[in-house]
Amino acid sequence: MFEATINDTKNWRNSVEAISSLIDEGTLQIDQDGLKLRAMDPSQIALVDFELPSSSFDKFSCESQMTVGVDFTELSKITKRCKGDDKIELSIKDNKFKIVFRGETRRQFTTAIIDSTSNPPKQPNIEFTSDVKISPNMLKDALKDAELVSNHVALSLEKGLSVRSDGDTGSVDVQFPEDKLLAVNVSEASRSVFSLEYLNNILKAADAPSVVNISLRTDAPLKVEYSIGDGRVIYYLAPRIES
C-alpha cells in the first residue's frame, strides 16, 4: 500500500507534466525512497528518466516496493484540475490510483492501474563532448523563434550556444555568447539537429529557478536535465538524420 501527501501543487503538476509530455503510459517504481520512472516514448525517439524523492512530500508511506502501471494521459487530466492552494493526497490500493484534492472542497478522483510487464530501458551510455547550463526561459524563447521557419532545429556548441533553423521561407539563427550562459564546457565542438516538437515537450515542465543542463555530441542523442523541486528529470532525444 502507498500513501502520500504533498502541499507543493506546482512541483507535483510539473512532475506529471514532465512525464506525460512524452509518454502515454509508464511504470512507476515506488519504494520508501520515492518515485522513479524510466520509459521510451511511443515512437522510440526519446527517453525520460524521472525521480521524485520521498523528501518532496509532506507525508510518504510505502509498505513495500511497488511496480505500478499508470496511464499518464489520464493522470495529467486529473492533475490539471488541481488548484494552487489545494493539498494533494495520493494513494494506491485495490488496483486503483486515488487522488484527493483538499481545498475549499474535497474532490476525489480514481483511475485504474494498468497492466505493465515491460522492464525499464537502459540509460544510454554516451560520451558527450560539450555541455551548457542555461535558463529555461531563454532556451524556450529561442525555440519559439526557430518555430517561425521550421519544425526542426540545429543545436551547436563551440564558444557559445547556437540555435538555428532553416526552412523554405527563410532561416533563424539565435546566438548565446558564453557570458550569457550560466556555464559552458566544450572539449570538442558539436552540432546535431532535433525535432522542435520533442524539444518543446521536453522543456514543458522546466521552470525558473531551475537550470537546464544540455549535453551534446555531434550526431548523437541529446541529453537534457533539470530539477523539479527536490526531484529531477533527464531526457535523451535521438537526432534527426540530415540528408
C-alpha atoms as a PDB file:
ATOM      1  CA  MET A   1       0.000   0.000   0.000  1.00  0.00           C
ATOM      2  CA  PHE A   2       1.175   3.508  -0.859  1.00  0.00           C
ATOM      3  CA  GLU A   3       0.014   6.813   0.648  1.00  0.00           C
ATOM      4  CA  ALA A   4       1.474  10.298   0.273  1.00  0.00           C
ATOM      5  CA  THR A   5       0.546  13.926   0.838  1.00  0.00           C
ATOM      6  CA  ILE A   6       2.033  16.942  -0.916  1.00  0.00           C
ATOM      7  CA  ASN A   7       1.279  20.645  -0.476  1.00  0.00           C
ATOM      8  CA  ASP A   8       3.543  21.874  -3.283  1.00  0.00           C
ATOM      9  CA  THR A   9       0.981  21.568  -6.081  1.00  0.00           C
ATOM     10  CA  LYS A  10       3.220  23.282  -8.652  1.00  0.00           C
ATOM     11  CA  ASN A  11       6.004  20.723  -8.340  1.00  0.00           C
ATOM     12  CA  TRP A  12       3.553  17.816  -8.489  1.00  0.00           C
ATOM     13  CA  ARG A  13       1.912  19.232 -11.616  1.00  0.00           C
ATOM     14  CA  ASN A  14       5.309  19.820 -13.218  1.00  0.00           C
ATOM     15  CA  SER A  15       6.370  16.283 -12.315  1.00  0.00           C
ATOM     16  CA  VAL A  16       3.322  14.771 -14.022  1.00  0.00           C
ATOM     17  CA  GLU A  17       3.802  17.137 -16.982  1.00  0.00           C
ATOM     18  CA  ALA A  18       7.458  16.105 -17.330  1.00  0.00           C
ATOM     19  CA  ILE A  19       6.338  12.508 -17.902  1.00  0.00           C
ATOM     20  CA  SER A  20       3.019  12.928 -19.734  1.00  0.00           C
ATOM     21  CA  SER A  21       4.522  15.341 -22.283  1.00  0.00           C
ATOM     22  CA  LEU A  22       6.361  12.361 -23.806  1.00  0.00           C
ATOM     23  CA  ILE A  23       4.650   9.131 -22.801  1.00  0.00           C
ATOM     24  CA  ASP A  24       1.029   7.969 -22.540  1.00  0.00           C
ATOM     25  CA  GLU A  25       1.609   5.022 -20.224  1.00  0.00           C
ATOM     26  CA  GLY A  26       4.509   4.095 -17.992  1.00  0.00           C
ATOM     27  CA  THR A  27       5.591   2.053 -14.998  1.00  0.00           C
ATOM     28  CA  LEU A  28       6.199   3.844 -11.701  1.00  0.00           C
ATOM     29  CA  GLN A  29       8.606   2.197  -9.307  1.00  0.00           C
ATOM     30  CA  ILE A  30       7.672   3.163  -5.751  1.00  0.00           C
ATOM     31  CA  ASP A  31       9.627   2.390  -2.581  1.00  0.00           C
ATOM     32  CA  GLN A  32      10.447   4.134   0.680  1.00  0.00           C
ATOM     33  CA  ASP A  33      12.912   6.420  -1.145  1.00  0.00           C
ATOM     34  CA  GLY A  34      10.286   7.877  -3.517  1.00  0.00           C
ATOM     35  CA  LEU A  35       9.024   7.535  -7.084  1.00  0.00           C
ATOM     36  CA  LYS A  36      11.038   6.581 -10.170  1.00  0.00           C
ATOM     37  CA  LEU A  37      10.222   6.046 -13.820  1.00  0.00           C
ATOM     38  CA  ARG A  38      12.261   5.368 -16.945  1.00  0.00           C
ATOM     39  CA  ALA A  39      10.454   4.879 -20.247  1.00  0.00           C
ATOM     40  CA  MET A  40      10.650   5.420 -24.001  1.00  0.00           C
ATOM     41  CA  ASP A  41       8.073   7.476 -25.865  1.00  0.00           C
ATOM     42  CA  PRO A  42       5.791   5.506 -28.247  1.00  0.00           C
ATOM     43  CA  SER A  43       7.907   6.450 -31.285  1.00  0.00           C
ATOM     44  CA  GLN A  44      11.126   5.262 -29.588  1.00  0.00           C
ATOM     45  CA  ILE A  45      12.708   8.657 -30.287  1.00  0.00           C
ATOM     46  CA  ALA A  46      13.007   9.943 -26.730  1.00  0.00           C
ATOM     47  CA  LEU A  47      13.631   8.515 -23.267  1.00  0.00           C
ATOM     48  CA  VAL A  48      12.518  10.049 -19.959  1.00  0.00           C
ATOM     49  CA  ASP A  49      14.265   9.213 -16.675  1.00  0.00           C
ATOM     50  CA  PHE A  50      12.404  10.702 -13.705  1.00  0.00           C
ATOM     51  CA  GLU A  51      12.951  10.681  -9.941  1.00  0.00           C
ATOM     52  CA  LEU A  52      10.897  12.306  -7.175  1.00  0.00           C
ATOM     53  CA  PRO A  53      12.305  11.548  -3.694  1.00  0.00           C
ATOM     54  CA  SER A  54      10.128  10.954  -0.655  1.00  0.00           C
ATOM     55  CA  SER A  55      11.521  14.226   0.794  1.00  0.00           C
ATOM     56  CA  SER A  56       9.382  16.099  -1.773  1.00  0.00           C
ATOM     57  CA  PHE A  57       6.260  15.001   0.095  1.00  0.00           C
ATOM     58  CA  ASP A  58       4.873  16.203   3.413  1.00  0.00           C
ATOM     59  CA  LYS A  59       3.923  12.612   4.241  1.00  0.00           C
ATOM     60  CA  PHE A  60       5.117   9.491   2.444  1.00  0.00           C
ATOM     61  CA  SER A  61       4.439   5.853   3.244  1.00  0.00           C
ATOM     62  CA  CYS A  62       5.200   2.773   1.140  1.00  0.00           C
ATOM     63  CA  GLU A  63       4.978  -0.565   2.940  1.00  0.00           C
ATOM     64  CA  SER A  64       6.890  -2.481   0.276  1.00  0.00           C
ATOM     65  CA  GLN A  65       8.408  -1.854  -3.143  1.00  0.00           C
ATOM     66  CA  MET A  66       5.735  -1.497  -5.814  1.00  0.00           C
ATOM     67  CA  THR A  67       5.721  -1.519  -9.611  1.00  0.00           C
ATOM     68  CA  VAL A  68       2.638   0.306 -10.875  1.00  0.00           C
ATOM     69  CA  GLY A  69       1.410   0.812 -14.427  1.00  0.00           C
ATOM     70  CA  VAL A  70      -0.014   4.327 -14.802  1.00  0.00           C
ATOM     71  CA  ASP A  71      -1.989   5.993 -17.585  1.00  0.00           C
ATOM     72  CA  PHE A  72      -0.225   9.369 -17.513  1.00  0.00           C
ATOM     73  CA  THR A  73      -2.615  10.892 -20.024  1.00  0.00           C
ATOM     74  CA  GLU A  74      -5.452  10.397 -17.546  1.00  0.00           C
ATOM     75  CA  LEU A  75      -3.312  11.387 -14.551  1.00  0.00           C
ATOM     76  CA  SER A  76      -2.343  14.612 -16.322  1.00  0.00           C
ATOM     77  CA  LYS A  77      -6.001  15.489 -16.962  1.00  0.00           C
ATOM     78  CA  ILE A  78      -6.793  14.979 -13.280  1.00  0.00           C
ATOM     79  CA  THR A  79      -3.736  16.882 -12.064  1.00  0.00           C
ATOM     80  CA  LYS A  80      -4.641  19.913 -14.179  1.00  0.00           C
ATOM     81  CA  ARG A  81      -7.846  20.229 -12.125  1.00  0.00           C
ATOM     82  CA  CYS A  82      -5.796  20.901  -9.009  1.00  0.00           C
ATOM     83  CA  LYS A  83      -5.941  24.452  -7.595  1.00  0.00           C
ATOM     84  CA  GLY A  84      -2.912  26.277  -6.285  1.00  0.00           C
ATOM     85  CA  ASP A  85      -3.967  26.152  -2.622  1.00  0.00           C
ATOM     86  CA  ASP A  86      -5.104  22.515  -2.668  1.00  0.00           C
ATOM     87  CA  LYS A  87      -3.410  19.819  -0.641  1.00  0.00           C
ATOM     88  CA  ILE A  88      -2.910  16.650  -2.699  1.00  0.00           C
ATOM     89  CA  GLU A  89      -3.367  13.176  -1.245  1.00  0.00           C
ATOM     90  CA  LEU A  90      -2.234  10.160  -3.265  1.00  0.00           C
ATOM     91  CA  SER A  91      -2.854   6.505  -2.557  1.00  0.00           C
ATOM     92  CA  ILE A  92      -2.753   3.167  -4.334  1.00  0.00           C
ATOM     93  CA  LYS A  93      -4.965   0.377  -3.077  1.00  0.00           C
ATOM     94  CA  ASP A  94      -7.069  -2.423  -4.582  1.00  0.00           C
ATOM     95  CA  ASN A  95      -5.668  -1.802  -8.057  1.00  0.00           C
ATOM     96  CA  LYS A  96      -6.807   1.848  -8.025  1.00  0.00           C
ATOM     97  CA  PHE A  97      -4.828   5.084  -8.023  1.00  0.00           C
ATOM     98  CA  LYS A  98      -6.734   7.582  -5.864  1.00  0.00           C
ATOM     99  CA  ILE A  99      -6.072  11.333  -5.970  1.00  0.00           C
ATOM    100  CA  VAL A 100      -7.759  13.687  -3.496  1.00  0.00           C
ATOM    101  CA  PHE A 101      -7.621  17.492  -3.660  1.00  0.00           C
ATOM    102  CA  ARG A 102      -8.397  19.212  -0.343  1.00  0.00           C
ATOM    103  CA  GLY A 103      -9.133  22.931  -0.519  1.00  0.00           C
ATOM    104  CA  GLU A 104     -12.442  24.748  -0.344  1.00  0.00           C
ATOM    105  CA  THR A 105     -13.934  21.386  -1.239  1.00  0.00           C
ATOM    106  CA  ARG A 106     -12.787  17.775  -1.108  1.00  0.00           C
ATOM    107  CA  ARG A 107     -12.523  16.329  -4.608  1.00  0.00           C
ATOM    108  CA  GLN A 108     -11.663  12.695  -5.146  1.00  0.00           C
ATOM    109  CA  PHE A 109     -10.589  11.098  -8.426  1.00  0.00           C
ATOM    110  CA  THR A 110      -9.713   7.484  -9.130  1.00  0.00           C
ATOM    111  CA  THR A 111      -8.012   5.936 -12.124  1.00  0.00           C
ATOM    112  CA  ALA A 112      -7.345   2.269 -12.768  1.00  0.00           C
ATOM    113  CA  ILE A 113      -3.890   0.740 -12.506  1.00  0.00           C
ATOM    114  CA  ILE A 114      -2.912  -0.694 -15.882  1.00  0.00           C
ATOM    115  CA  ASP A 115      -1.019  -3.891 -16.647  1.00  0.00           C
ATOM    116  CA  SER A 116       2.700  -3.379 -17.160  1.00  0.00           C
ATOM    117  CA  THR A 117       5.176  -6.159 -17.833  1.00  0.00           C
ATOM    118  CA  SER A 118       7.953  -4.266 -19.604  1.00  0.00           C
ATOM    119  CA  ASN A 119      11.315  -3.655 -17.942  1.00  0.00           C
ATOM    120  CA  PRO A 120      12.728  -0.114 -17.831  1.00  0.00           C
ATOM    121  CA  PRO A 121      15.007   0.660 -20.801  1.00  0.00           C
ATOM    122  CA  LYS A 122      18.709   1.052 -20.173  1.00  0.00           C
ATOM    123  CA  GLN A 123      20.106   4.541 -19.830  1.00  0.00           C
ATOM    124  CA  PRO A 124      22.172   5.469 -22.926  1.00  0.00           C
ATOM    125  CA  ASN A 125      25.933   5.433 -22.442  1.00  0.00           C
ATOM    126  CA  ILE A 126      27.219   8.434 -24.406  1.00  0.00           C
ATOM    127  CA  GLU A 127      30.494  10.302 -24.035  1.00  0.00           C
ATOM    128  CA  PHE A 128      29.365  13.864 -24.594  1.00  0.00           C
ATOM    129  CA  THR A 129      31.856  16.397 -25.922  1.00  0.00           C
ATOM    130  CA  SER A 130      30.160  19.594 -24.734  1.00  0.00           C
ATOM    131  CA  ASP A 131      27.581  20.782 -22.255  1.00  0.00           C
ATOM    132  CA  VAL A 132      25.906  24.025 -21.297  1.00  0.00           C
ATOM    133  CA  LYS A 133      23.723  25.335 -18.478  1.00  0.00           C
ATOM    134  CA  ILE A 134      21.058  27.839 -19.436  1.00  0.00           C
ATOM    135  CA  SER A 135      17.913  29.483 -18.084  1.00  0.00           C
ATOM    136  CA  PRO A 136      14.835  27.541 -19.294  1.00  0.00           C
ATOM    137  CA  ASN A 137      13.035  30.707 -20.389  1.00  0.00           C
ATOM    138  CA  MET A 138      15.945  31.838 -22.576  1.00  0.00           C
ATOM    139  CA  LEU A 139      16.019  28.477 -24.328  1.00  0.00           C
ATOM    140  CA  LYS A 140      12.236  28.347 -24.752  1.00  0.00           C
ATOM    141  CA  ASP A 141      12.278  31.805 -26.362  1.00  0.00           C
ATOM    142  CA  ALA A 142      14.941  30.698 -28.843  1.00  0.00           C
ATOM    143  CA  LEU A 143      12.873  27.651 -29.819  1.00  0.00           C
ATOM    144  CA  LYS A 144       9.826  29.875 -30.381  1.00  0.00           C
ATOM    145  CA  ASP A 145      11.927  31.937 -32.805  1.00  0.00           C
ATOM    146  CA  ALA A 146      13.070  28.771 -34.575  1.00  0.00           C
ATOM    147  CA  GLU A 147       9.471  27.579 -34.998  1.00  0.00           C
ATOM    148  CA  LEU A 148       8.749  30.515 -37.288  1.00  0.00           C
ATOM    149  CA  VAL A 149      10.514  28.830 -40.205  1.00  0.00           C
ATOM    150  CA  SER A 150      10.860  25.105 -39.486  1.00  0.00           C
ATOM    151  CA  ASN A 151       9.804  22.119 -37.374  1.00  0.00           C
ATOM    152  CA  HIS A 152      13.377  21.118 -36.581  1.00  0.00           C
ATOM    153  CA  VAL A 153      16.362  22.951 -35.139  1.00  0.00           C
ATOM    154  CA  ALA A 154      20.144  22.598 -35.062  1.00  0.00           C
ATOM    155  CA  LEU A 155      21.855  22.998 -31.689  1.00  0.00           C
ATOM    156  CA  SER A 156      25.574  23.811 -31.784  1.00  0.00           C
ATOM    157  CA  LEU A 157      28.100  24.247 -29.009  1.00  0.00           C
ATOM    158  CA  GLU A 158      31.512  25.772 -29.669  1.00  0.00           C
ATOM    159  CA  LYS A 159      32.409  29.025 -27.942  1.00  0.00           C
ATOM    160  CA  GLY A 160      28.766  29.528 -27.043  1.00  0.00           C
ATOM    161  CA  LEU A 161      25.387  28.026 -27.851  1.00  0.00           C
ATOM    162  CA  SER A 162      23.752  28.404 -31.256  1.00  0.00           C
ATOM    163  CA  VAL A 163      20.110  27.614 -32.056  1.00  0.00           C
ATOM    164  CA  ARG A 164      19.424  27.618 -35.801  1.00  0.00           C
ATOM    165  CA  SER A 165      16.534  26.576 -38.019  1.00  0.00           C
ATOM    166  CA  ASP A 166      16.309  26.605 -41.813  1.00  0.00           C
ATOM    167  CA  GLY A 167      13.080  26.386 -43.778  1.00  0.00           C
ATOM    168  CA  ASP A 168      11.602  27.067 -47.205  1.00  0.00           C
ATOM    169  CA  THR A 169      10.773  30.665 -46.272  1.00  0.00           C
ATOM    170  CA  GLY A 170      13.986  31.637 -44.530  1.00  0.00           C
ATOM    171  CA  SER A 171      16.170  30.928 -41.512  1.00  0.00           C
ATOM    172  CA  VAL A 172      16.517  31.848 -37.848  1.00  0.00           C
ATOM    173  CA  ASP A 173      19.849  31.985 -36.012  1.00  0.00           C
ATOM    174  CA  VAL A 174      19.965  32.684 -32.241  1.00  0.00           C
ATOM    175  CA  GLN A 175      23.392  33.048 -30.642  1.00  0.00           C
ATOM    176  CA  PHE A 176      24.097  32.828 -26.904  1.00  0.00           C
ATOM    177  CA  PRO A 177      27.590  34.171 -26.101  1.00  0.00           C
ATOM    178  CA  GLU A 178      29.491  32.470 -23.283  1.00  0.00           C
ATOM    179  CA  ASP A 179      28.915  35.359 -20.874  1.00  0.00           C
ATOM    180  CA  LYS A 180      25.127  34.991 -21.261  1.00  0.00           C
ATOM    181  CA  LEU A 181      25.216  31.306 -20.304  1.00  0.00           C
ATOM    182  CA  LEU A 182      25.304  30.009 -16.724  1.00  0.00           C
ATOM    183  CA  ALA A 183      28.113  27.591 -17.601  1.00  0.00           C
ATOM    184  CA  VAL A 184      29.646  26.121 -20.739  1.00  0.00           C
ATOM    185  CA  ASN A 185      32.206  23.357 -21.200  1.00  0.00           C
ATOM    186  CA  VAL A 186      33.391  22.348 -24.669  1.00  0.00           C
ATOM    187  CA  SER A 187      36.086  19.732 -25.263  1.00  0.00           C
ATOM    188  CA  GLU A 188      35.055  19.372 -28.902  1.00  0.00           C
ATOM    189  CA  ALA A 189      32.636  21.455 -30.985  1.00  0.00           C
ATOM    190  CA  SER A 190      29.340  19.636 -31.503  1.00  0.00           C
ATOM    191  CA  ARG A 191      26.225  20.004 -33.635  1.00  0.00           C
ATOM    192  CA  SER A 192      23.045  17.962 -34.112  1.00  0.00           C
ATOM    193  CA  VAL A 193      19.529  18.529 -35.465  1.00  0.00           C
ATOM    194  CA  PHE A 194      16.427  17.747 -33.415  1.00  0.00           C
ATOM    195  CA  SER A 195      12.653  17.832 -33.643  1.00  0.00           C
ATOM    196  CA  LEU A 196      11.245  21.100 -32.298  1.00  0.00           C
ATOM    197  CA  GLU A 197       8.059  19.371 -31.174  1.00  0.00           C
ATOM    198  CA  TYR A 198      10.022  16.979 -28.981  1.00  0.00           C
ATOM    199  CA  LEU A 199      12.266  19.722 -27.588  1.00  0.00           C
ATOM    200  CA  ASN A 200       9.232  21.824 -26.676  1.00  0.00           C
ATOM    201  CA  ASN A 201       7.632  18.843 -24.916  1.00  0.00           C
ATOM    202  CA  ILE A 202      10.858  18.090 -23.056  1.00  0.00           C
ATOM    203  CA  LEU A 203      11.051  21.659 -21.745  1.00  0.00           C
ATOM    204  CA  LYS A 204       7.373  21.987 -20.781  1.00  0.00           C
ATOM    205  CA  ALA A 205       7.998  21.333 -17.104  1.00  0.00           C
ATOM    206  CA  ALA A 206      11.227  23.362 -16.925  1.00  0.00           C
ATOM    207  CA  ASP A 207      10.582  26.467 -14.880  1.00  0.00           C
ATOM    208  CA  ALA A 208      12.704  29.080 -13.127  1.00  0.00           C
ATOM    209  CA  PRO A 209      14.616  28.931 -10.845  1.00  0.00           C
ATOM    210  CA  SER A 210      15.624  25.513 -12.207  1.00  0.00           C
ATOM    211  CA  VAL A 211      18.531  25.379 -14.665  1.00  0.00           C
ATOM    212  CA  VAL A 212      18.539  23.360 -17.884  1.00  0.00           C
ATOM    213  CA  ASN A 213      21.694  21.332 -18.466  1.00  0.00           C
ATOM    214  CA  ILE A 214      22.234  20.308 -22.116  1.00  0.00           C
ATOM    215  CA  SER A 215      24.864  17.771 -23.187  1.00  0.00           C
ATOM    216  CA  LEU A 216      25.778  17.380 -26.864  1.00  0.00           C
ATOM    217  CA  ARG A 217      27.842  15.210 -29.164  1.00  0.00           C
ATOM    218  CA  THR A 218      27.722  15.555 -32.952  1.00  0.00           C
ATOM    219  CA  ASP A 219      25.058  13.305 -34.496  1.00  0.00           C
ATOM    220  CA  ALA A 220      24.352  11.623 -31.145  1.00  0.00           C
ATOM    221  CA  PRO A 221      21.320  11.765 -28.840  1.00  0.00           C
ATOM    222  CA  LEU A 222      20.877  14.954 -26.858  1.00  0.00           C
ATOM    223  CA  LYS A 223      20.742  14.876 -23.061  1.00  0.00           C
ATOM    224  CA  VAL A 224      18.572  17.436 -21.238  1.00  0.00           C
ATOM    225  CA  GLU A 225      18.433  17.540 -17.436  1.00  0.00           C
ATOM    226  CA  TYR A 226      16.720  19.831 -14.934  1.00  0.00           C
ATOM    227  CA  SER A 227      15.317  19.756 -11.418  1.00  0.00           C
ATOM    228  CA  ILE A 228      11.692  19.867 -10.324  1.00  0.00           C
ATOM    229  CA  GLY A 229      11.780  20.854  -6.663  1.00  0.00           C
ATOM    230  CA  ASP A 230      13.736  18.093  -4.924  1.00  0.00           C
ATOM    231  CA  GLY A 231      13.193  15.834  -7.936  1.00  0.00           C
ATOM    232  CA  ARG A 232      14.931  15.684 -11.261  1.00  0.00           C
ATOM    233  CA  VAL A 233      14.224  14.595 -14.812  1.00  0.00           C
ATOM    234  CA  ILE A 234      16.627  13.540 -17.571  1.00  0.00           C
ATOM    235  CA  TYR A 235      15.688  13.195 -21.231  1.00  0.00           C
ATOM    236  CA  TYR A 236      17.551  11.665 -24.151  1.00  0.00           C
ATOM    237  CA  LEU A 237      16.435  12.664 -27.644  1.00  0.00           C
ATOM    238  CA  ALA A 238      17.606  11.000 -30.857  1.00  0.00           C
ATOM    239  CA  PRO A 239      18.914  13.376 -33.533  1.00  0.00           C
ATOM    240  CA  ARG A 240      17.237  13.978 -36.861  1.00  0.00           C
ATOM    241  CA  ILE A 241      19.276  12.495 -39.688  1.00  0.00           C
ATOM    242  CA  GLU A 242      20.148  15.147 -42.269  1.00  0.00           C
ATOM    243  CA  SER A 243      20.186  14.199 -45.945  1.00  0.00           C
END
